[in-house]
Structure formats: structure tokens, C-alpha cells
PDB file of N, CA and C in Angstrom:
ATOM      1  N   VAL A   1    -169.183  -7.622 -50.342  1.00  0.00           N
ATOM      2  CA  VAL A   1    -168.588  -7.738 -49.160  1.00  0.00           C
ATOM      3  C   VAL A   1    -167.216  -6.960 -49.057  1.00  0.00           C
ATOM      4  N   LEU A   2    -166.845  -6.029 -48.597  1.00  0.00           N
ATOM      5  CA  LEU A   2    -165.517  -5.419 -48.462  1.00  0.00           C
ATOM      6  C   LEU A   2    -164.804  -6.409 -47.509  1.00  0.00           C
ATOM      7  N   SER A   3    -163.599  -6.364 -47.694  1.00  0.00           N
ATOM      8  CA  SER A   3    -162.347  -7.046 -47.359  1.00  0.00           C
ATOM      9  C   SER A   3    -161.982  -6.577 -45.633  1.00  0.00           C
ATOM     10  N   ASN A   4    -161.222  -7.188 -44.663  1.00  0.00           N
ATOM     11  CA  ASN A   4    -160.964  -6.758 -43.876  1.00  0.00           C
ATOM     12  C   ASN A   4    -159.323  -7.455 -43.458  1.00  0.00           C
ATOM     13  N   SER A   5    -158.548  -6.767 -42.630  1.00  0.00           N
ATOM     14  CA  SER A   5    -156.975  -6.962 -42.410  1.00  0.00           C
ATOM     15  C   SER A   5    -157.013  -8.467 -41.938  1.00  0.00           C
ATOM     16  N   HIS A   6    -158.164  -9.116 -41.702  1.00  0.00           N
ATOM     17  CA  HIS A   6    -157.671 -11.043 -41.317  1.00  0.00           C
ATOM     18  C   HIS A   6    -157.457 -11.575 -42.521  1.00  0.00           C
ATOM     19  N   GLU A   7    -157.974 -10.817 -43.575  1.00  0.00           N
ATOM     20  CA  GLU A   7    -158.173 -11.628 -45.008  1.00  0.00           C
ATOM     21  C   GLU A   7    -156.665 -11.462 -45.422  1.00  0.00           C
ATOM     22  N   LEU A   8    -155.522 -10.754 -45.145  1.00  0.00           N
ATOM     23  CA  LEU A   8    -154.590 -10.530 -45.655  1.00  0.00           C
ATOM     24  C   LEU A   8    -153.551 -11.995 -45.690  1.00  0.00           C
ATOM     25  N   ARG A   9    -153.945 -12.858 -44.403  1.00  0.00           N
ATOM     26  CA  ARG A   9    -152.900 -13.841 -44.341  1.00  0.00           C
ATOM     27  C   ARG A   9    -152.798 -14.846 -45.496  1.00  0.00           C
ATOM     28  N   LEU A  10    -153.836 -15.153 -45.890  1.00  0.00           N
ATOM     29  CA  LEU A  10    -153.694 -16.118 -46.878  1.00  0.00           C
ATOM     30  C   LEU A  10    -152.983 -15.801 -48.349  1.00  0.00           C
ATOM     31  N   PRO A  11    -153.616 -14.604 -48.884  1.00  0.00           N
ATOM     32  CA  PRO A  11    -152.636 -14.437 -50.037  1.00  0.00           C
ATOM     33  C   PRO A  11    -151.249 -14.106 -49.986  1.00  0.00           C
ATOM     34  N   LEU A  12    -151.163 -13.186 -48.868  1.00  0.00           N
ATOM     35  CA  LEU A  12    -149.716 -13.330 -48.148  1.00  0.00           C
ATOM     36  C   LEU A  12    -148.826 -14.324 -48.086  1.00  0.00           C
ATOM     37  N   ARG A  13    -149.341 -15.549 -47.460  1.00  0.00           N
ATOM     38  CA  ARG A  13    -148.583 -16.789 -47.546  1.00  0.00           C
ATOM     39  C   ARG A  13    -148.228 -17.251 -49.246  1.00  0.00           C
ATOM     40  N   TRP A  14    -149.268 -17.453 -49.719  1.00  0.00           N
ATOM     41  CA  TRP A  14    -148.897 -17.721 -51.383  1.00  0.00           C
ATOM     42  C   TRP A  14    -148.383 -17.029 -52.191  1.00  0.00           C
ATOM     43  N   ILE A  15    -148.210 -15.652 -52.015  1.00  0.00           N
ATOM     44  CA  ILE A  15    -147.347 -14.740 -52.835  1.00  0.00           C
ATOM     45  C   ILE A  15    -145.744 -15.041 -52.345  1.00  0.00           C
ATOM     46  N   ALA A  16    -145.760 -15.121 -50.832  1.00  0.00           N
ATOM     47  CA  ALA A  16    -144.349 -15.400 -50.353  1.00  0.00           C
ATOM     48  C   ALA A  16    -143.745 -16.782 -51.030  1.00  0.00           C
ATOM     49  N   ILE A  17    -144.753 -17.881 -50.824  1.00  0.00           N
ATOM     50  CA  ILE A  17    -144.200 -19.084 -51.562  1.00  0.00           C
ATOM     51  C   ILE A  17    -143.860 -19.271 -52.711  1.00  0.00           C
ATOM     52  N   LEU A  18    -144.738 -18.598 -53.671  1.00  0.00           N
ATOM     53  CA  LEU A  18    -144.614 -18.568 -55.253  1.00  0.00           C
ATOM     54  C   LEU A  18    -143.836 -17.523 -55.710  1.00  0.00           C
ATOM     55  N   TYR A  19    -143.404 -16.514 -54.922  1.00  0.00           N
ATOM     56  CA  TYR A  19    -142.491 -15.291 -55.369  1.00  0.00           C
ATOM     57  C   TYR A  19    -141.249 -16.002 -55.735  1.00  0.00           C
ATOM     58  N   GLY A  20    -140.961 -15.737 -57.130  1.00  0.00           N
ATOM     59  CA  GLY A  20    -139.277 -16.395 -57.413  1.00  0.00           C
ATOM     60  C   GLY A  20    -139.683 -17.722 -58.111  1.00  0.00           C
ATOM     61  N   ARG A  21    -140.518 -18.358 -57.966  1.00  0.00           N
ATOM     62  CA  ARG A  21    -140.850 -19.849 -58.596  1.00  0.00           C
ATOM     63  C   ARG A  21    -141.658 -19.530 -59.863  1.00  0.00           C
ATOM     64  N   VAL A  22    -142.542 -18.428 -59.965  1.00  0.00           N
ATOM     65  CA  VAL A  22    -143.447 -18.234 -61.185  1.00  0.00           C
ATOM     66  C   VAL A  22    -143.172 -16.856 -61.696  1.00  0.00           C
ATOM     67  N   PRO A  23    -142.810 -16.749 -63.030  1.00  0.00           N
ATOM     68  CA  PRO A  23    -142.363 -15.608 -63.667  1.00  0.00           C
ATOM     69  C   PRO A  23    -143.419 -14.482 -63.678  1.00  0.00           C
ATOM     70  N   VAL A  24    -144.045 -14.200 -62.897  1.00  0.00           N
ATOM     71  CA  VAL A  24    -145.242 -13.241 -62.938  1.00  0.00           C
ATOM     72  C   VAL A  24    -145.023 -12.136 -61.774  1.00  0.00           C
ATOM     73  N   ASP A  25    -145.921 -11.001 -61.892  1.00  0.00           N
ATOM     74  CA  ASP A  25    -145.699 -10.228 -60.944  1.00  0.00           C
ATOM     75  C   ASP A  25    -147.178 -10.195 -60.210  1.00  0.00           C
ATOM     76  N   PHE A  26    -147.051 -10.240 -58.883  1.00  0.00           N
ATOM     77  CA  PHE A  26    -148.172 -10.815 -58.114  1.00  0.00           C
ATOM     78  C   PHE A  26    -148.868  -9.465 -57.390  1.00  0.00           C
ATOM     79  N   ALA A  27    -150.170  -9.552 -57.639  1.00  0.00           N
ATOM     80  CA  ALA A  27    -150.881  -8.669 -56.747  1.00  0.00           C
ATOM     81  C   ALA A  27    -151.758  -8.844 -55.716  1.00  0.00           C
ATOM     82  N   LEU A  28    -151.215  -8.345 -54.440  1.00  0.00           N
ATOM     83  CA  LEU A  28    -152.266  -8.844 -53.151  1.00  0.00           C
ATOM     84  C   LEU A  28    -153.430  -7.992 -53.003  1.00  0.00           C
ATOM     85  N   THR A  29    -154.470  -8.568 -53.012  1.00  0.00           N
ATOM     86  CA  THR A  29    -156.046  -8.168 -53.317  1.00  0.00           C
ATOM     87  C   THR A  29    -156.713  -7.987 -52.360  1.00  0.00           C
ATOM     88  N   SER A  30    -156.424  -8.487 -51.179  1.00  0.00           N
ATOM     89  CA  SER A  30    -157.475  -8.570 -50.037  1.00  0.00           C
ATOM     90  C   SER A  30    -156.988  -8.510 -48.731  1.00  0.00           C
ATOM     91  N   GLY A  31    -157.497  -7.640 -48.206  1.00  0.00           N
ATOM     92  CA  GLY A  31    -156.891  -7.355 -46.767  1.00  0.00           C
ATOM     93  C   GLY A  31    -155.985  -6.233 -46.442  1.00  0.00           C
ATOM     94  N   VAL A  32    -155.767  -5.516 -47.300  1.00  0.00           N
ATOM     95  CA  VAL A  32    -154.669  -4.297 -47.136  1.00  0.00           C
ATOM     96  C   VAL A  32    -155.256  -3.230 -46.843  1.00  0.00           C
ATOM     97  N   HIS A  33    -155.155  -2.997 -45.448  1.00  0.00           N
ATOM     98  CA  HIS A  33    -155.780  -1.571 -44.808  1.00  0.00           C
ATOM     99  C   HIS A  33    -155.114  -0.670 -44.262  1.00  0.00           C
ATOM    100  N   ASN A  34    -153.668  -0.803 -44.185  1.00  0.00           N
ATOM    101  CA  ASN A  34    -153.040   0.204 -43.710  1.00  0.00           C
ATOM    102  C   ASN A  34    -151.491   0.101 -44.435  1.00  0.00           C
ATOM    103  N   SER A  35    -150.514   1.034 -43.799  1.00  0.00           N
ATOM    104  CA  SER A  35    -149.114   0.914 -44.566  1.00  0.00           C
ATOM    105  C   SER A  35    -148.481  -0.203 -44.165  1.00  0.00           C
ATOM    106  N   HIS A  36    -148.698  -0.817 -42.982  1.00  0.00           N
ATOM    107  CA  HIS A  36    -147.960  -1.808 -42.492  1.00  0.00           C
ATOM    108  C   HIS A  36    -148.273  -3.273 -43.138  1.00  0.00           C
ATOM    109  N   ASP A  37    -149.608  -3.225 -43.966  1.00  0.00           N
ATOM    110  CA  ASP A  37    -150.333  -4.228 -44.722  1.00  0.00           C
ATOM    111  C   ASP A  37    -149.385  -4.205 -45.983  1.00  0.00           C
ATOM    112  N   MET A  38    -149.233  -3.002 -46.487  1.00  0.00           N
ATOM    113  CA  MET A  38    -148.677  -2.620 -47.694  1.00  0.00           C
ATOM    114  C   MET A  38    -147.027  -2.999 -47.717  1.00  0.00           C
ATOM    115  N   VAL A  39    -146.339  -2.880 -46.445  1.00  0.00           N
ATOM    116  CA  VAL A  39    -144.864  -3.399 -46.285  1.00  0.00           C
ATOM    117  C   VAL A  39    -145.101  -4.892 -46.388  1.00  0.00           C
ATOM    118  N   LYS A  40    -146.052  -5.547 -45.905  1.00  0.00           N
ATOM    119  CA  LYS A  40    -146.028  -6.950 -45.773  1.00  0.00           C
ATOM    120  C   LYS A  40    -146.108  -7.663 -47.173  1.00  0.00           C
ATOM    121  N   ALA A  41    -146.934  -7.104 -47.959  1.00  0.00           N
ATOM    122  CA  ALA A  41    -147.102  -7.306 -49.099  1.00  0.00           C
ATOM    123  C   ALA A  41    -146.105  -7.425 -50.191  1.00  0.00           C
ATOM    124  N   MET A  42    -145.210  -6.236 -50.174  1.00  0.00           N
ATOM    125  CA  MET A  42    -144.106  -6.000 -50.622  1.00  0.00           C
ATOM    126  C   MET A  42    -142.924  -6.996 -50.389  1.00  0.00           C
ATOM    127  N   MET A  43    -142.699  -7.180 -49.179  1.00  0.00           N
ATOM    128  CA  MET A  43    -141.889  -8.092 -48.678  1.00  0.00           C
ATOM    129  C   MET A  43    -142.214  -9.496 -48.895  1.00  0.00           C
ATOM    130  N   ALA A  44    -143.324  -9.941 -49.155  1.00  0.00           N
ATOM    131  CA  ALA A  44    -143.750 -11.251 -49.292  1.00  0.00           C
ATOM    132  C   ALA A  44    -143.339 -11.385 -50.889  1.00  0.00           C
ATOM    133  N   GLY A  45    -143.370 -10.417 -51.804  1.00  0.00           N
ATOM    134  CA  GLY A  45    -143.251 -10.635 -53.210  1.00  0.00           C
ATOM    135  C   GLY A  45    -143.977 -10.012 -54.150  1.00  0.00           C
ATOM    136  N   ALA A  46    -145.132  -9.138 -53.609  1.00  0.00           N
ATOM    137  CA  ALA A  46    -146.127  -8.586 -54.330  1.00  0.00           C
ATOM    138  C   ALA A  46    -145.389  -7.455 -55.120  1.00  0.00           C
ATOM    139  N   SER A  47    -146.044  -7.177 -56.228  1.00  0.00           N
ATOM    140  CA  SER A  47    -145.644  -6.028 -57.040  1.00  0.00           C
ATOM    141  C   SER A  47    -146.626  -4.506 -56.589  1.00  0.00           C
ATOM    142  N   VAL A  48    -147.555  -5.026 -56.375  1.00  0.00           N
ATOM    143  CA  VAL A  48    -148.793  -3.868 -55.951  1.00  0.00           C
ATOM    144  C   VAL A  48    -149.492  -4.395 -54.733  1.00  0.00           C
ATOM    145  N   ALA A  49    -150.109  -3.610 -54.341  1.00  0.00           N
ATOM    146  CA  ALA A  49    -150.753  -4.036 -53.033  1.00  0.00           C
ATOM    147  C   ALA A  49    -152.433  -3.117 -53.200  1.00  0.00           C
ATOM    148  N   MET A  50    -153.358  -3.941 -53.431  1.00  0.00           N
ATOM    149  CA  MET A  50    -154.610  -3.096 -53.828  1.00  0.00           C
ATOM    150  C   MET A  50    -155.409  -2.770 -52.487  1.00  0.00           C
ATOM    151  N   THR A  51    -155.864  -1.525 -52.340  1.00  0.00           N
ATOM    152  CA  THR A  51    -156.562  -1.188 -51.091  1.00  0.00           C
ATOM    153  C   THR A  51    -157.751  -0.525 -51.292  1.00  0.00           C
ATOM    154  N   THR A  52    -158.556  -1.272 -52.186  1.00  0.00           N
ATOM    155  CA  THR A  52    -159.753  -0.608 -52.528  1.00  0.00           C
ATOM    156  C   THR A  52    -160.894  -0.532 -51.503  1.00  0.00           C
ATOM    157  N   SER A  53    -160.990  -1.557 -50.582  1.00  0.00           N
ATOM    158  CA  SER A  53    -161.952  -1.894 -49.639  1.00  0.00           C
ATOM    159  C   SER A  53    -161.461  -0.794 -48.514  1.00  0.00           C
ATOM    160  N   GLU A  54    -160.120  -0.395 -48.181  1.00  0.00           N
ATOM    161  CA  GLU A  54    -159.767   0.850 -47.121  1.00  0.00           C
ATOM    162  C   GLU A  54    -160.338   2.305 -47.910  1.00  0.00           C
ATOM    163  N   LEU A  55    -160.149   2.219 -49.062  1.00  0.00           N
ATOM    164  CA  LEU A  55    -160.333   3.643 -49.667  1.00  0.00           C
ATOM    165  C   LEU A  55    -161.983   3.579 -49.856  1.00  0.00           C
ATOM    166  N   LEU A  56    -162.747   2.573 -49.882  1.00  0.00           N
ATOM    167  CA  LEU A  56    -164.361   2.825 -49.883  1.00  0.00           C
ATOM    168  C   LEU A  56    -164.601   2.956 -48.844  1.00  0.00           C
ATOM    169  N   GLN A  57    -164.250   2.590 -47.421  1.00  0.00           N
ATOM    170  CA  GLN A  57    -164.604   2.693 -46.188  1.00  0.00           C
ATOM    171  C   GLN A  57    -164.148   3.817 -45.568  1.00  0.00           C
ATOM    172  N   ASN A  58    -162.954   4.335 -46.276  1.00  0.00           N
ATOM    173  CA  ASN A  58    -162.466   5.474 -45.381  1.00  0.00           C
ATOM    174  C   ASN A  58    -162.142   6.970 -46.296  1.00  0.00           C
ATOM    175  N   GLY A  59    -162.690   6.565 -47.378  1.00  0.00           N
ATOM    176  CA  GLY A  59    -162.425   7.770 -48.400  1.00  0.00           C
ATOM    177  C   GLY A  59    -160.942   7.672 -49.073  1.00  0.00           C
ATOM    178  N   VAL A  60    -160.885   8.499 -50.071  1.00  0.00           N
ATOM    179  CA  VAL A  60    -159.796   8.259 -50.753  1.00  0.00           C
ATOM    180  C   VAL A  60    -158.550   8.948 -50.428  1.00  0.00           C
ATOM    181  N   GLN A  61    -158.711  10.054 -49.476  1.00  0.00           N
ATOM    182  CA  GLN A  61    -157.746  10.717 -48.814  1.00  0.00           C
ATOM    183  C   GLN A  61    -157.053   9.770 -47.935  1.00  0.00           C
ATOM    184  N   ARG A  62    -157.464   8.745 -47.592  1.00  0.00           N
ATOM    185  CA  ARG A  62    -156.699   7.802 -46.797  1.00  0.00           C
ATOM    186  C   ARG A  62    -155.473   7.253 -47.388  1.00  0.00           C
ATOM    187  N   ALA A  63    -155.491   7.230 -48.846  1.00  0.00           N
ATOM    188  CA  ALA A  63    -154.463   6.873 -49.527  1.00  0.00           C
ATOM    189  C   ALA A  63    -153.090   7.347 -49.294  1.00  0.00           C
ATOM    190  N   GLU A  64    -153.302   8.713 -49.265  1.00  0.00           N
ATOM    191  CA  GLU A  64    -152.134   9.868 -48.722  1.00  0.00           C
ATOM    192  C   GLU A  64    -151.274   9.253 -47.557  1.00  0.00           C
ATOM    193  N   ASP A  65    -152.334   8.912 -46.637  1.00  0.00           N
ATOM    194  CA  ASP A  65    -152.022   8.494 -45.221  1.00  0.00           C
ATOM    195  C   ASP A  65    -150.975   7.176 -45.311  1.00  0.00           C
ATOM    196  N   MET A  66    -151.713   6.421 -46.092  1.00  0.00           N
ATOM    197  CA  MET A  66    -150.794   4.860 -46.226  1.00  0.00           C
ATOM    198  C   MET A  66    -149.762   5.205 -46.954  1.00  0.00           C
ATOM    199  N   LEU A  67    -149.480   5.981 -48.065  1.00  0.00           N
ATOM    200  CA  LEU A  67    -148.286   6.092 -48.782  1.00  0.00           C
ATOM    201  C   LEU A  67    -147.255   6.849 -47.824  1.00  0.00           C
ATOM    202  N   ASN A  68    -147.528   8.000 -47.257  1.00  0.00           N
ATOM    203  CA  ASN A  68    -146.702   8.564 -46.451  1.00  0.00           C
ATOM    204  C   ASN A  68    -146.137   7.397 -45.027  1.00  0.00           C
ATOM    205  N   GLY A  69    -147.183   6.652 -44.609  1.00  0.00           N
ATOM    206  CA  GLY A  69    -146.641   5.487 -43.566  1.00  0.00           C
ATOM    207  C   GLY A  69    -145.819   4.867 -44.239  1.00  0.00           C
ATOM    208  N   PHE A  70    -146.085   4.170 -45.614  1.00  0.00           N
ATOM    209  CA  PHE A  70    -145.354   3.239 -46.254  1.00  0.00           C
ATOM    210  C   PHE A  70    -143.707   3.819 -46.417  1.00  0.00           C
ATOM    211  N   GLN A  71    -143.757   5.160 -46.834  1.00  0.00           N
ATOM    212  CA  GLN A  71    -142.658   5.840 -47.275  1.00  0.00           C
ATOM    213  C   GLN A  71    -141.712   5.970 -45.961  1.00  0.00           C
ATOM    214  N   THR A  72    -142.363   6.310 -45.051  1.00  0.00           N
ATOM    215  CA  THR A  72    -141.778   6.599 -43.481  1.00  0.00           C
ATOM    216  C   THR A  72    -141.067   5.060 -43.269  1.00  0.00           C
ATOM    217  N   TRP A  73    -141.809   4.030 -43.214  1.00  0.00           N
ATOM    218  CA  TRP A  73    -141.137   2.667 -42.987  1.00  0.00           C
ATOM    219  C   TRP A  73    -140.111   2.434 -43.471  1.00  0.00           C
ATOM    220  N   LEU A  74    -140.087   2.854 -45.064  1.00  0.00           N
ATOM    221  CA  LEU A  74    -138.896   2.627 -46.188  1.00  0.00           C
ATOM    222  C   LEU A  74    -137.671   3.272 -45.337  1.00  0.00           C
ATOM    223  N   GLU A  75    -138.015   4.539 -45.078  1.00  0.00           N
ATOM    224  CA  GLU A  75    -136.861   5.352 -44.397  1.00  0.00           C
ATOM    225  C   GLU A  75    -136.222   5.088 -43.131  1.00  0.00           C
ATOM    226  N   GLU A  76    -137.115   4.500 -42.305  1.00  0.00           N
ATOM    227  CA  GLU A  76    -136.874   4.215 -40.946  1.00  0.00           C
ATOM    228  C   GLU A  76    -135.957   2.845 -40.914  1.00  0.00           C
ATOM    229  N   HIS A  77    -136.221   2.051 -41.805  1.00  0.00           N
ATOM    230  CA  HIS A  77    -135.896   0.588 -42.250  1.00  0.00           C
ATOM    231  C   HIS A  77    -134.395   0.643 -43.246  1.00  0.00           C
ATOM    232  N   GLU A  78    -134.012   1.906 -43.636  1.00  0.00           N
ATOM    233  CA  GLU A  78    -133.330   2.334 -44.647  1.00  0.00           C
ATOM    234  C   GLU A  78    -133.364   1.602 -45.865  1.00  0.00           C
ATOM    235  N   TYR A  79    -134.428   1.357 -46.551  1.00  0.00           N
ATOM    236  CA  TYR A  79    -134.431   0.700 -47.731  1.00  0.00           C
ATOM    237  C   TYR A  79    -134.483   1.952 -48.616  1.00  0.00           C
ATOM    238  N   GLU A  80    -133.919   1.849 -49.883  1.00  0.00           N
ATOM    239  CA  GLU A  80    -133.616   2.749 -51.003  1.00  0.00           C
ATOM    240  C   GLU A  80    -135.102   2.660 -51.974  1.00  0.00           C
ATOM    241  N   SER A  81    -135.453   1.264 -52.070  1.00  0.00           N
ATOM    242  CA  SER A  81    -136.538   1.333 -52.994  1.00  0.00           C
ATOM    243  C   SER A  81    -137.526   0.075 -52.843  1.00  0.00           C
ATOM    244  N   VAL A  82    -138.548   0.007 -53.432  1.00  0.00           N
ATOM    245  CA  VAL A  82    -139.465  -0.919 -53.307  1.00  0.00           C
ATOM    246  C   VAL A  82    -138.744  -2.392 -53.965  1.00  0.00           C
ATOM    247  N   GLU A  83    -138.110  -2.266 -55.092  1.00  0.00           N
ATOM    248  CA  GLU A  83    -137.213  -3.421 -55.690  1.00  0.00           C
ATOM    249  C   GLU A  83    -136.530  -4.031 -54.353  1.00  0.00           C
ATOM    250  N   GLN A  84    -135.810  -3.129 -53.631  1.00  0.00           N
ATOM    251  CA  GLN A  84    -134.831  -3.544 -52.838  1.00  0.00           C
ATOM    252  C   GLN A  84    -135.535  -4.589 -51.780  1.00  0.00           C
ATOM    253  N   MET A  85    -136.678  -4.153 -51.362  1.00  0.00           N
ATOM    254  CA  MET A  85    -137.618  -4.937 -50.405  1.00  0.00           C
ATOM    255  C   MET A  85    -138.054  -5.962 -50.857  1.00  0.00           C
ATOM    256  N   LYS A  86    -138.904  -5.988 -52.170  1.00  0.00           N
ATOM    257  CA  LYS A  86    -139.518  -7.005 -52.670  1.00  0.00           C
ATOM    258  C   LYS A  86    -138.814  -8.486 -52.646  1.00  0.00           C
ATOM    259  N   GLY A  87    -139.738  -9.252 -52.297  1.00  0.00           N
ATOM    260  CA  GLY A  87    -139.333 -10.643 -51.994  1.00  0.00           C
ATOM    261  C   GLY A  87    -138.367 -10.955 -50.695  1.00  0.00           C
ATOM    262  N   SER A  88    -138.171 -10.044 -49.896  1.00  0.00           N
ATOM    263  CA  SER A  88    -137.120 -10.186 -48.827  1.00  0.00           C
ATOM    264  C   SER A  88    -137.698 -11.030 -47.772  1.00  0.00           C
ATOM    265  N   MET A  89    -138.885 -11.209 -47.680  1.00  0.00           N
ATOM    266  CA  MET A  89    -139.316 -12.086 -46.502  1.00  0.00           C
ATOM    267  C   MET A  89    -140.371 -13.595 -47.269  1.00  0.00           C
ATOM    268  N   SER A  90    -140.063 -13.616 -48.636  1.00  0.00           N
ATOM    269  CA  SER A  90    -140.576 -14.620 -49.294  1.00  0.00           C
ATOM    270  C   SER A  90    -139.613 -16.049 -49.024  1.00  0.00           C
ATOM    271  N   GLN A  91    -140.532 -16.953 -49.091  1.00  0.00           N
ATOM    272  CA  GLN A  91    -139.636 -18.393 -48.946  1.00  0.00           C
ATOM    273  C   GLN A  91    -138.388 -18.623 -49.872  1.00  0.00           C
ATOM    274  N   GLN A  92    -138.316 -18.168 -50.971  1.00  0.00           N
ATOM    275  CA  GLN A  92    -137.200 -17.996 -51.533  1.00  0.00           C
ATOM    276  C   GLN A  92    -135.967 -17.440 -50.835  1.00  0.00           C
ATOM    277  N   ALA A  93    -135.986 -16.518 -50.270  1.00  0.00           N
ATOM    278  CA  ALA A  93    -135.358 -15.518 -49.304  1.00  0.00           C
ATOM    279  C   ALA A  93    -134.645 -16.328 -48.166  1.00  0.00           C
ATOM    280  N   VAL A  94    -135.377 -17.523 -47.681  1.00  0.00           N
ATOM    281  CA  VAL A  94    -134.889 -18.205 -46.608  1.00  0.00           C
ATOM    282  C   VAL A  94    -133.820 -19.065 -46.899  1.00  0.00           C
ATOM    283  N   ALA A  95    -133.054 -19.427 -46.029  1.00  0.00           N
ATOM    284  CA  ALA A  95    -131.708 -20.439 -46.084  1.00  0.00           C
ATOM    285  C   ALA A  95    -132.760 -21.868 -46.100  1.00  0.00           C
ATOM    286  N   GLU A  96    -133.420 -21.934 -45.263  1.00  0.00           N
ATOM    287  CA  GLU A  96    -134.332 -23.123 -44.847  1.00  0.00           C
ATOM    288  C   GLU A  96    -135.794 -23.123 -45.161  1.00  0.00           C
ATOM    289  N   PRO A  97    -136.189 -23.498 -46.462  1.00  0.00           N
ATOM    290  CA  PRO A  97    -137.677 -22.924 -46.805  1.00  0.00           C
ATOM    291  C   PRO A  97    -138.744 -24.184 -46.020  1.00  0.00           C
ATOM    292  N   ALA A  98    -138.196 -25.158 -45.487  1.00  0.00           N
ATOM    293  CA  ALA A  98    -139.173 -25.958 -44.260  1.00  0.00           C
ATOM    294  C   ALA A  98    -139.360 -25.404 -43.099  1.00  0.00           C
ATOM    295  N   ALA A  99    -138.367 -24.491 -42.577  1.00  0.00           N
ATOM    296  CA  ALA A  99    -138.511 -23.806 -41.622  1.00  0.00           C
ATOM    297  C   ALA A  99    -139.436 -22.558 -41.693  1.00  0.00           C
ATOM    298  N   PHE A 100    -139.425 -22.060 -42.907  1.00  0.00           N
ATOM    299  CA  PHE A 100    -140.347 -21.004 -43.072  1.00  0.00           C
ATOM    300  C   PHE A 100    -141.592 -21.452 -42.985  1.00  0.00           C
ATOM    301  N   GLU A 101    -141.933 -22.656 -43.588  1.00  0.00           N
ATOM    302  CA  GLU A 101    -143.544 -23.307 -43.569  1.00  0.00           C
ATOM    303  C   GLU A 101    -143.720 -23.452 -41.983  1.00  0.00           C
ATOM    304  N   ARG A 102    -142.765 -24.018 -41.243  1.00  0.00           N
ATOM    305  CA  ARG A 102    -142.989 -24.447 -39.859  1.00  0.00           C
ATOM    306  C   ARG A 102    -143.464 -23.030 -39.033  1.00  0.00           C
ATOM    307  N   ALA A 103    -142.348 -22.085 -39.178  1.00  0.00           N
ATOM    308  CA  ALA A 103    -142.601 -20.782 -38.530  1.00  0.00           C
ATOM    309  C   ALA A 103    -144.061 -20.005 -39.046  1.00  0.00           C
ATOM    310  N   LYS A 104    -144.677 -20.384 -40.211  1.00  0.00           N
ATOM    311  CA  LYS A 104    -145.748 -19.745 -40.662  1.00  0.00           C
ATOM    312  C   LYS A 104    -146.905 -20.402 -39.673  1.00  0.00           C
ATOM    313  N   TYR A 105    -146.957 -22.057 -39.896  1.00  0.00           N
ATOM    314  CA  TYR A 105    -147.884 -22.727 -39.174  1.00  0.00           C
ATOM    315  C   TYR A 105    -147.885 -22.318 -37.735  1.00  0.00           C
ATOM    316  N   MET A 106    -146.569 -22.221 -37.170  1.00  0.00           N
ATOM    317  CA  MET A 106    -146.541 -21.997 -35.701  1.00  0.00           C
ATOM    318  C   MET A 106    -147.504 -20.393 -35.399  1.00  0.00           C
ATOM    319  N   LYS A 107    -147.132 -19.486 -36.365  1.00  0.00           N
ATOM    320  CA  LYS A 107    -147.725 -18.273 -36.068  1.00  0.00           C
ATOM    321  C   LYS A 107    -149.298 -18.496 -35.900  1.00  0.00           C
ATOM    322  N   VAL A 108    -149.645 -19.054 -37.268  1.00  0.00           N
ATOM    323  CA  VAL A 108    -150.991 -19.304 -36.962  1.00  0.00           C
ATOM    324  C   VAL A 108    -151.506 -20.069 -35.983  1.00  0.00           C
ATOM    325  N   LEU A 109    -151.235 -21.273 -35.566  1.00  0.00           N
ATOM    326  CA  LEU A 109    -151.661 -21.646 -34.184  1.00  0.00           C
ATOM    327  C   LEU A 109    -151.424 -21.012 -33.085  1.00  0.00           C
ATOM    328  N   SER A 110    -150.536 -20.124 -32.862  1.00  0.00           N
ATOM    329  CA  SER A 110    -150.442 -19.091 -31.645  1.00  0.00           C
ATOM    330  C   SER A 110    -151.441 -17.980 -31.757  1.00  0.00           C
ATOM    331  N   SER A 111    -151.947 -17.904 -32.981  1.00  0.00           N
ATOM    332  CA  SER A 111    -152.994 -16.451 -32.969  1.00  0.00           C
ATOM    333  C   SER A 111    -154.418 -17.144 -32.602  1.00  0.00           C
ATOM    334  N   TYR A 112    -154.448 -18.276 -32.122  1.00  0.00           N
ATOM    335  CA  TYR A 112    -156.051 -18.739 -31.356  1.00  0.00           C
ATOM    336  C   TYR A 112    -155.914 -18.893 -30.084  1.00  0.00           C
TER     337      TYR A 112
END
């Protein structure tokens, strides 16, 4: 069964929590279907965003569209590199980690 965009939430949350606490590179491997999902993955702290389901569903030519959208986002938001944005939305990057958890919880509740 191929993933869908709704599956992004859980791995994104855990990468954002663990980034900077565990000395590993994270790969977000589920739910990445567009360039915005790729941005979210990198900002949470992932080193790579796996897009297998998207490419299987829509063809490998989709990779170029996704990469172009990612590059456009970087330019529009004045990021010079992925390293600059990596982990910028992780729990480690916020002043009050408890507020980070409450905000994520509230976002989940409001999605219902």
C-alpha cells in the first residue's frame, strides 16, 4: 500500500522532537508527495525526504516538479541552503519546548 500525504504528520513530529537530541541523520519516509512536504521534512530536521509513493503513482518526471518547487520555496524565503533551514522548526529550535508540544497537540485537535 502506497503512502498518502496524511501519513506525514507522525514521522514529521518525531523527527522534530528527536532532531539535535540523537546524533543521526533522519530520513522522512512516509507521506512526502509534494515540495511543501519536502520543506516540512527538512525544517523538522530530516536530511532526506523519501518520495517513492509519489513517483510510483505519478511517474519519475514528478521528481523534477518537486525539486523545482522546493528550490522556488528556498529562494522565496531567502534560504541559501538546505543546511540553513534544517531543523529550524524542530523542538530544539524553539525557546519553550512545552509550548511546541501544546501547539502540535492543538493543531491535531483542530484538524477534526
